[in-house]
Amino acid sequence: MVDRRSGKLPAVFVGFAAVLFQIIYLDTCLVFVPRVYMCFMDVLNLVWASIGIISLAHVIALLGFPIYGNEDKKKRYVSS
């Protein structure tokens, strides 16, 4: 998963791990909640999964952590 040449973690894996953690966390915390609320949270998790992989990767890239894809942005910000 980590690139051996640069030691960087791909942004897709970081976002996917965060989404997976959130789905597991919500499913275990909402076991005793009524089923209607569970269905609503499952739909919300699907929406978060589609948005979260990209948005979380962008947030981490903006913070400056070494992830694929933010090298160009750093060069662009420094040059302008």
PDB file of N, CA and C in Angstrom:
ATOM      1  N   MET A   1       0.818  -1.192   0.000  1.00  0.00           N
ATOM      2  CA  MET A   1       0.000   0.000   0.000  1.00  0.00           C
ATOM      3  C   MET A   1       0.868   1.265   0.000  1.00  0.00           C
ATOM      4  N   VAL A   2       1.960   1.253   0.723  1.00  0.00           N
ATOM      5  CA  VAL A   2       2.867   2.399   0.748  1.00  0.00           C
ATOM      6  C   VAL A   2       3.862   2.258  -0.391  1.00  0.00           C
ATOM      7  N   ASP A   3       4.074   3.347  -1.111  1.00  0.00           N
ATOM      8  CA  ASP A   3       5.028   3.326  -2.213  1.00  0.00           C
ATOM      9  C   ASP A   3       6.441   3.251  -1.646  1.00  0.00           C
ATOM     10  N   ARG A   4       7.193   2.248  -2.052  1.00  0.00           N
ATOM     11  CA  ARG A   4       8.524   2.044  -1.474  1.00  0.00           C
ATOM     12  C   ARG A   4       9.528   3.072  -1.962  1.00  0.00           C
ATOM     13  N   ARG A   5       9.248   3.672  -3.109  1.00  0.00           N
ATOM     14  CA  ARG A   5      10.191   4.668  -3.625  1.00  0.00           C
ATOM     15  C   ARG A   5      10.127   5.953  -2.816  1.00  0.00           C
ATOM     16  N   SER A   6       8.926   6.391  -2.449  1.00  0.00           N
ATOM     17  CA  SER A   6       8.811   7.676  -1.767  1.00  0.00           C
ATOM     18  C   SER A   6       8.258   7.548  -0.351  1.00  0.00           C
ATOM     19  N   GLY A   7       7.723   6.385   0.021  1.00  0.00           N
ATOM     20  CA  GLY A   7       7.162   6.208   1.355  1.00  0.00           C
ATOM     21  C   GLY A   7       5.849   6.926   1.563  1.00  0.00           C
ATOM     22  N   LYS A   8       5.145   7.248   0.486  1.00  0.00           N
ATOM     23  CA  LYS A   8       3.892   7.990   0.595  1.00  0.00           C
ATOM     24  C   LYS A   8       2.699   7.044   0.494  1.00  0.00           C
ATOM     25  N   LEU A   9       1.642   7.411   1.175  1.00  0.00           N
ATOM     26  CA  LEU A   9       0.419   6.608   1.182  1.00  0.00           C
ATOM     27  C   LEU A   9      -0.562   7.201   0.177  1.00  0.00           C
ATOM     28  N   PRO A  10      -1.100   6.402  -0.735  1.00  0.00           N
ATOM     29  CA  PRO A  10      -2.061   6.941  -1.707  1.00  0.00           C
ATOM     30  C   PRO A  10      -3.304   7.510  -1.022  1.00  0.00           C
ATOM     31  N   ALA A  11      -3.805   8.610  -1.552  1.00  0.00           N
ATOM     32  CA  ALA A  11      -4.937   9.301  -0.934  1.00  0.00           C
ATOM     33  C   ALA A  11      -6.201   8.450  -0.945  1.00  0.00           C
ATOM     34  N   VAL A  12      -6.369   7.610  -1.950  1.00  0.00           N
ATOM     35  CA  VAL A  12      -7.575   6.781  -2.025  1.00  0.00           C
ATOM     36  C   VAL A  12      -7.631   5.813  -0.857  1.00  0.00           C
ATOM     37  N   PHE A  13      -6.488   5.235  -0.487  1.00  0.00           N
ATOM     38  CA  PHE A  13      -6.468   4.305   0.635  1.00  0.00           C
ATOM     39  C   PHE A  13      -6.756   5.013   1.954  1.00  0.00           C
ATOM     40  N   VAL A  14      -6.255   6.239   2.107  1.00  0.00           N
ATOM     41  CA  VAL A  14      -6.520   7.002   3.329  1.00  0.00           C
ATOM     42  C   VAL A  14      -8.004   7.310   3.450  1.00  0.00           C
ATOM     43  N   GLY A  15      -8.619   7.766   2.356  1.00  0.00           N
ATOM     44  CA  GLY A  15     -10.044   8.074   2.392  1.00  0.00           C
ATOM     45  C   GLY A  15     -10.897   6.836   2.594  1.00  0.00           C
ATOM     46  N   PHE A  16     -10.519   5.730   1.944  1.00  0.00           N
ATOM     47  CA  PHE A  16     -11.283   4.492   2.090  1.00  0.00           C
ATOM     48  C   PHE A  16     -11.208   3.969   3.517  1.00  0.00           C
ATOM     49  N   ALA A  17     -10.039   4.066   4.140  1.00  0.00           N
ATOM     50  CA  ALA A  17      -9.897   3.614   5.529  1.00  0.00           C
ATOM     51  C   ALA A  17     -10.757   4.454   6.463  1.00  0.00           C
ATOM     52  N   ALA A  18     -10.838   5.751   6.226  1.00  0.00           N
ATOM     53  CA  ALA A  18     -11.665   6.612   7.077  1.00  0.00           C
ATOM     54  C   ALA A  18     -13.146   6.303   6.902  1.00  0.00           C
ATOM     55  N   VAL A  19     -13.574   6.069   5.672  1.00  0.00           N
ATOM     56  CA  VAL A  19     -14.978   5.740   5.420  1.00  0.00           C
ATOM     57  C   VAL A  19     -15.337   4.396   6.045  1.00  0.00           C
ATOM     58  N   LEU A  20     -14.448   3.423   5.904  1.00  0.00           N
ATOM     59  CA  LEU A  20     -14.696   2.113   6.489  1.00  0.00           C
ATOM     60  C   LEU A  20     -14.784   2.193   8.010  1.00  0.00           C
ATOM     61  N   PHE A  21     -13.918   2.995   8.628  1.00  0.00           N
ATOM     62  CA  PHE A  21     -13.962   3.176  10.076  1.00  0.00           C
ATOM     63  C   PHE A  21     -15.277   3.808  10.503  1.00  0.00           C
ATOM     64  N   GLN A  22     -15.750   4.804   9.736  1.00  0.00           N
ATOM     65  CA  GLN A  22     -16.982   5.470  10.110  1.00  0.00           C
ATOM     66  C   GLN A  22     -18.181   4.537   9.979  1.00  0.00           C
ATOM     67  N   ILE A  23     -18.215   3.716   8.931  1.00  0.00           N
ATOM     68  CA  ILE A  23     -19.339   2.787   8.749  1.00  0.00           C
ATOM     69  C   ILE A  23     -19.360   1.757   9.878  1.00  0.00           C
ATOM     70  N   ILE A  24     -18.203   1.208  10.226  1.00  0.00           N
ATOM     71  CA  ILE A  24     -18.134   0.226  11.317  1.00  0.00           C
ATOM     72  C   ILE A  24     -18.514   0.875  12.641  1.00  0.00           C
ATOM     73  N   TYR A  25     -18.031   2.094  12.875  1.00  0.00           N
ATOM     74  CA  TYR A  25     -18.319   2.798  14.123  1.00  0.00           C
ATOM     75  C   TYR A  25     -19.814   3.076  14.265  1.00  0.00           C
ATOM     76  N   LEU A  26     -20.440   3.588  13.200  1.00  0.00           N
ATOM     77  CA  LEU A  26     -21.868   3.903  13.285  1.00  0.00           C
ATOM     78  C   LEU A  26     -22.707   2.639  13.400  1.00  0.00           C
ATOM     79  N   ASP A  27     -22.326   1.583  12.695  1.00  0.00           N
ATOM     80  CA  ASP A  27     -23.119   0.357  12.757  1.00  0.00           C
ATOM     81  C   ASP A  27     -23.041  -0.292  14.140  1.00  0.00           C
ATOM     82  N   THR A  28     -21.898  -0.177  14.817  1.00  0.00           N
ATOM     83  CA  THR A  28     -21.811  -0.773  16.149  1.00  0.00           C
ATOM     84  C   THR A  28     -22.451   0.119  17.200  1.00  0.00           C
ATOM     85  N   CYS A  29     -22.431   1.439  16.996  1.00  0.00           N
ATOM     86  CA  CYS A  29     -23.021   2.334  17.994  1.00  0.00           C
ATOM     87  C   CYS A  29     -24.537   2.412  17.880  1.00  0.00           C
ATOM     88  N   LEU A  30     -25.081   2.085  16.724  1.00  0.00           N
ATOM     89  CA  LEU A  30     -26.518   2.253  16.514  1.00  0.00           C
ATOM     90  C   LEU A  30     -27.258   0.922  16.481  1.00  0.00           C
ATOM     91  N   VAL A  31     -26.744  -0.085  17.176  1.00  0.00           N
ATOM     92  CA  VAL A  31     -27.380  -1.400  17.155  1.00  0.00           C
ATOM     93  C   VAL A  31     -28.739  -1.351  17.845  1.00  0.00           C
ATOM     94  N   PHE A  32     -28.867  -0.603  18.933  1.00  0.00           N
ATOM     95  CA  PHE A  32     -30.090  -0.597  19.724  1.00  0.00           C
ATOM     96  C   PHE A  32     -31.064   0.508  19.309  1.00  0.00           C
ATOM     97  N   VAL A  33     -30.758   1.210  18.235  1.00  0.00           N
ATOM     98  CA  VAL A  33     -31.637   2.273  17.745  1.00  0.00           C
ATOM     99  C   VAL A  33     -32.684   1.646  16.829  1.00  0.00           C
ATOM    100  N   PRO A  34     -33.875   2.216  16.744  1.00  0.00           N
ATOM    101  CA  PRO A  34     -34.910   1.637  15.859  1.00  0.00           C
ATOM    102  C   PRO A  34     -34.442   1.499  14.412  1.00  0.00           C
ATOM    103  N   ARG A  35     -35.057   0.549  13.721  1.00  0.00           N
ATOM    104  CA  ARG A  35     -34.596   0.179  12.382  1.00  0.00           C
ATOM    105  C   ARG A  35     -34.767   1.309  11.367  1.00  0.00           C
ATOM    106  N   VAL A  36     -35.747   2.169  11.538  1.00  0.00           N
ATOM    107  CA  VAL A  36     -35.933   3.278  10.597  1.00  0.00           C
ATOM    108  C   VAL A  36     -34.724   4.197  10.644  1.00  0.00           C
ATOM    109  N   TYR A  37     -34.239   4.461  11.848  1.00  0.00           N
ATOM    110  CA  TYR A  37     -33.064   5.318  12.002  1.00  0.00           C
ATOM    111  C   TYR A  37     -31.823   4.632  11.421  1.00  0.00           C
ATOM    112  N   MET A  38     -31.756   3.309  11.575  1.00  0.00           N
ATOM    113  CA  MET A  38     -30.638   2.571  10.999  1.00  0.00           C
ATOM    114  C   MET A  38     -30.634   2.678   9.475  1.00  0.00           C
ATOM    115  N   CYS A  39     -31.815   2.586   8.854  1.00  0.00           N
ATOM    116  CA  CYS A  39     -31.877   2.706   7.397  1.00  0.00           C
ATOM    117  C   CYS A  39     -31.447   4.092   6.953  1.00  0.00           C
ATOM    118  N   PHE A  40     -31.849   5.104   7.724  1.00  0.00           N
ATOM    119  CA  PHE A  40     -31.446   6.472   7.389  1.00  0.00           C
ATOM    120  C   PHE A  40     -29.936   6.625   7.500  1.00  0.00           C
ATOM    121  N   MET A  41     -29.344   6.057   8.534  1.00  0.00           N
ATOM    122  CA  MET A  41     -27.902   6.177   8.709  1.00  0.00           C
ATOM    123  C   MET A  41     -27.144   5.375   7.660  1.00  0.00           C
ATOM    124  N   ASP A  42     -27.710   4.258   7.193  1.00  0.00           N
ATOM    125  CA  ASP A  42     -27.052   3.500   6.126  1.00  0.00           C
ATOM    126  C   ASP A  42     -27.036   4.295   4.819  1.00  0.00           C
ATOM    127  N   VAL A  43     -28.138   4.989   4.522  1.00  0.00           N
ATOM    128  CA  VAL A  43     -28.166   5.846   3.336  1.00  0.00           C
ATOM    129  C   VAL A  43     -27.165   6.979   3.490  1.00  0.00           C
ATOM    130  N   LEU A  44     -27.111   7.542   4.700  1.00  0.00           N
ATOM    131  CA  LEU A  44     -26.153   8.615   4.966  1.00  0.00           C
ATOM    132  C   LEU A  44     -24.720   8.117   4.812  1.00  0.00           C
ATOM    133  N   ASN A  45     -24.467   6.889   5.222  1.00  0.00           N
ATOM    134  CA  ASN A  45     -23.127   6.311   5.051  1.00  0.00           C
ATOM    135  C   ASN A  45     -22.770   6.135   3.582  1.00  0.00           C
ATOM    136  N   LEU A  46     -23.728   5.744   2.754  1.00  0.00           N
ATOM    137  CA  LEU A  46     -23.452   5.618   1.324  1.00  0.00           C
ATOM    138  C   LEU A  46     -23.123   6.971   0.703  1.00  0.00           C
ATOM    139  N   VAL A  47     -23.848   8.008   1.130  1.00  0.00           N
ATOM    140  CA  VAL A  47     -23.550   9.355   0.632  1.00  0.00           C
ATOM    141  C   VAL A  47     -22.166   9.780   1.093  1.00  0.00           C
ATOM    142  N   TRP A  48     -21.859   9.521   2.381  1.00  0.00           N
ATOM    143  CA  TRP A  48     -20.544   9.887   2.904  1.00  0.00           C
ATOM    144  C   TRP A  48     -19.440   9.105   2.203  1.00  0.00           C
ATOM    145  N   ALA A  49     -19.705   7.850   1.861  1.00  0.00           N
ATOM    146  CA  ALA A  49     -18.685   7.047   1.191  1.00  0.00           C
ATOM    147  C   ALA A  49     -18.358   7.607  -0.183  1.00  0.00           C
ATOM    148  N   SER A  50     -19.365   8.124  -0.877  1.00  0.00           N
ATOM    149  CA  SER A  50     -19.100   8.676  -2.205  1.00  0.00           C
ATOM    150  C   SER A  50     -18.389  10.014  -2.134  1.00  0.00           C
ATOM    151  N   ILE A  51     -18.725  10.825  -1.131  1.00  0.00           N
ATOM    152  CA  ILE A  51     -18.105  12.152  -1.003  1.00  0.00           C
ATOM    153  C   ILE A  51     -16.812  12.076  -0.198  1.00  0.00           C
ATOM    154  N   GLY A  52     -16.818  11.239   0.823  1.00  0.00           N
ATOM    155  CA  GLY A  52     -15.740  11.267   1.801  1.00  0.00           C
ATOM    156  C   GLY A  52     -14.388  10.841   1.272  1.00  0.00           C
ATOM    157  N   ILE A  53     -14.353   9.911   0.334  1.00  0.00           N
ATOM    158  CA  ILE A  53     -13.063   9.430  -0.169  1.00  0.00           C
ATOM    159  C   ILE A  53     -12.308  10.576  -0.830  1.00  0.00           C
ATOM    160  N   ILE A  54     -13.024  11.400  -1.581  1.00  0.00           N
ATOM    161  CA  ILE A  54     -12.356  12.504  -2.272  1.00  0.00           C
ATOM    162  C   ILE A  54     -12.104  13.662  -1.312  1.00  0.00           C
ATOM    163  N   SER A  55     -13.113  14.036  -0.521  1.00  0.00           N
ATOM    164  CA  SER A  55     -12.976  15.226   0.314  1.00  0.00           C
ATOM    165  C   SER A  55     -11.947  15.025   1.418  1.00  0.00           C
ATOM    166  N   LEU A  56     -11.922  13.853   2.041  1.00  0.00           N
ATOM    167  CA  LEU A  56     -10.943  13.610   3.100  1.00  0.00           C
ATOM    168  C   LEU A  56      -9.530  13.609   2.546  1.00  0.00           C
ATOM    169  N   ALA A  57      -9.377  13.061   1.357  1.00  0.00           N
ATOM    170  CA  ALA A  57      -8.050  13.076   0.740  1.00  0.00           C
ATOM    171  C   ALA A  57      -7.604  14.506   0.448  1.00  0.00           C
ATOM    172  N   HIS A  58      -8.527  15.370   0.038  1.00  0.00           N
ATOM    173  CA  HIS A  58      -8.173  16.761  -0.210  1.00  0.00           C
ATOM    174  C   HIS A  58      -7.824  17.488   1.077  1.00  0.00           C
ATOM    175  N   VAL A  59      -8.557  17.216   2.163  1.00  0.00           N
ATOM    176  CA  VAL A  59      -8.253  17.860   3.447  1.00  0.00           C
ATOM    177  C   VAL A  59      -6.869  17.450   3.929  1.00  0.00           C
ATOM    178  N   ILE A  60      -6.563  16.162   3.841  1.00  0.00           N
ATOM    179  CA  ILE A  60      -5.251  15.691   4.280  1.00  0.00           C
ATOM    180  C   ILE A  60      -4.156  16.272   3.382  1.00  0.00           C
ATOM    181  N   ALA A  61      -4.441  16.387   2.085  1.00  0.00           N
ATOM    182  CA  ALA A  61      -3.451  16.968   1.177  1.00  0.00           C
ATOM    183  C   ALA A  61      -3.231  18.444   1.487  1.00  0.00           C
ATOM    184  N   LEU A  62      -4.295  19.155   1.856  1.00  0.00           N
ATOM    185  CA  LEU A  62      -4.144  20.569   2.202  1.00  0.00           C
ATOM    186  C   LEU A  62      -3.359  20.751   3.496  1.00  0.00           C
ATOM    187  N   LEU A  63      -3.468  19.787   4.402  1.00  0.00           N
ATOM    188  CA  LEU A  63      -2.694  19.871   5.640  1.00  0.00           C
ATOM    189  C   LEU A  63      -1.216  19.628   5.405  1.00  0.00           C
ATOM    190  N   GLY A  64      -0.876  19.094   4.248  1.00  0.00           N
ATOM    191  CA  GLY A  64       0.520  18.942   3.894  1.00  0.00           C
ATOM    192  C   GLY A  64       1.105  17.575   4.183  1.00  0.00           C
ATOM    193  N   PHE A  65       0.268  16.600   4.496  1.00  0.00           N
ATOM    194  CA  PHE A  65       0.787  15.256   4.717  1.00  0.00           C
ATOM    195  C   PHE A  65       1.244  14.647   3.397  1.00  0.00           C
ATOM    196  N   PRO A  66       2.230  13.791   3.416  1.00  0.00           N
ATOM    197  CA  PRO A  66       2.749  13.242   2.160  1.00  0.00           C
ATOM    198  C   PRO A  66       1.789  12.233   1.533  1.00  0.00           C
ATOM    199  N   ILE A  67       1.044  12.672   0.556  1.00  0.00           N
ATOM    200  CA  ILE A  67       0.080  11.830  -0.143  1.00  0.00           C
ATOM    201  C   ILE A  67       0.266  12.075  -1.634  1.00  0.00           C
ATOM    202  N   TYR A  68      -0.013  11.069  -2.433  1.00  0.00           N
ATOM    203  CA  TYR A  68       0.045  11.247  -3.878  1.00  0.00           C
ATOM    204  C   TYR A  68      -0.878  12.378  -4.306  1.00  0.00           C
ATOM    205  N   GLY A  69      -0.415  13.194  -5.211  1.00  0.00           N
ATOM    206  CA  GLY A  69      -1.277  14.198  -5.808  1.00  0.00           C
ATOM    207  C   GLY A  69      -1.117  15.583  -5.244  1.00  0.00           C
ATOM    208  N   ASN A  70      -0.471  15.761  -4.086  1.00  0.00           N
ATOM    209  CA  ASN A  70      -0.358  17.115  -3.554  1.00  0.00           C
ATOM    210  C   ASN A  70       0.998  17.748  -3.864  1.00  0.00           C
ATOM    211  N   GLU A  71       1.858  17.048  -4.595  1.00  0.00           N
ATOM    212  CA  GLU A  71       3.143  17.649  -4.952  1.00  0.00           C
ATOM    213  C   GLU A  71       2.930  18.806  -5.920  1.00  0.00           C
ATOM    214  N   ASP A  72       2.023  18.627  -6.895  1.00  0.00           N
ATOM    215  CA  ASP A  72       1.768  19.680  -7.869  1.00  0.00           C
ATOM    216  C   ASP A  72       1.157  20.906  -7.199  1.00  0.00           C
ATOM    217  N   LYS A  73       0.259  20.692  -6.243  1.00  0.00           N
ATOM    218  CA  LYS A  73      -0.380  21.806  -5.562  1.00  0.00           C
ATOM    219  C   LYS A  73       0.644  22.611  -4.772  1.00  0.00           C
ATOM    220  N   LYS A  74       1.561  21.929  -4.111  1.00  0.00           N
ATOM    221  CA  LYS A  74       2.580  22.654  -3.348  1.00  0.00           C
ATOM    222  C   LYS A  74       3.446  23.502  -4.274  1.00  0.00           C
ATOM    223  N   LYS A  75       3.833  22.949  -5.412  1.00  0.00           N
ATOM    224  CA  LYS A  75       4.652  23.703  -6.357  1.00  0.00           C
ATOM    225  C   LYS A  75       3.880  24.902  -6.888  1.00  0.00           C
ATOM    226  N   ARG A  76       2.582  24.709  -7.146  1.00  0.00           N
ATOM    227  CA  ARG A  76       1.767  25.785  -7.681  1.00  0.00           C
ATOM    228  C   ARG A  76       1.614  26.906  -6.664  1.00  0.00           C
ATOM    229  N   TYR A  77       1.410  26.548  -5.380  1.00  0.00           N
ATOM    230  CA  TYR A  77       1.236  27.574  -4.359  1.00  0.00           C
ATOM    231  C   TYR A  77       2.542  28.339  -4.118  1.00  0.00           C
ATOM    232  N   VAL A  78       3.650  27.640  -4.173  1.00  0.00           N
ATOM    233  CA  VAL A  78       4.930  28.296  -3.918  1.00  0.00           C
ATOM    234  C   VAL A  78       5.279  29.227  -5.069  1.00  0.00           C
ATOM    235  N   SER A  79       4.993  28.807  -6.292  1.00  0.00           N
ATOM    236  CA  SER A  79       5.398  29.610  -7.443  1.00  0.00           C
ATOM    237  C   SER A  79       4.527  30.848  -7.628  1.00  0.00           C
ATOM    238  N   SER A  80       3.281  30.794  -7.168  1.00  0.00           N
ATOM    239  CA  SER A  80       2.409  31.945  -7.398  1.00  0.00           C
ATOM    240  C   SER A  80       2.494  32.953  -6.275  1.00  0.00           C
TER     241      SER A  80
END
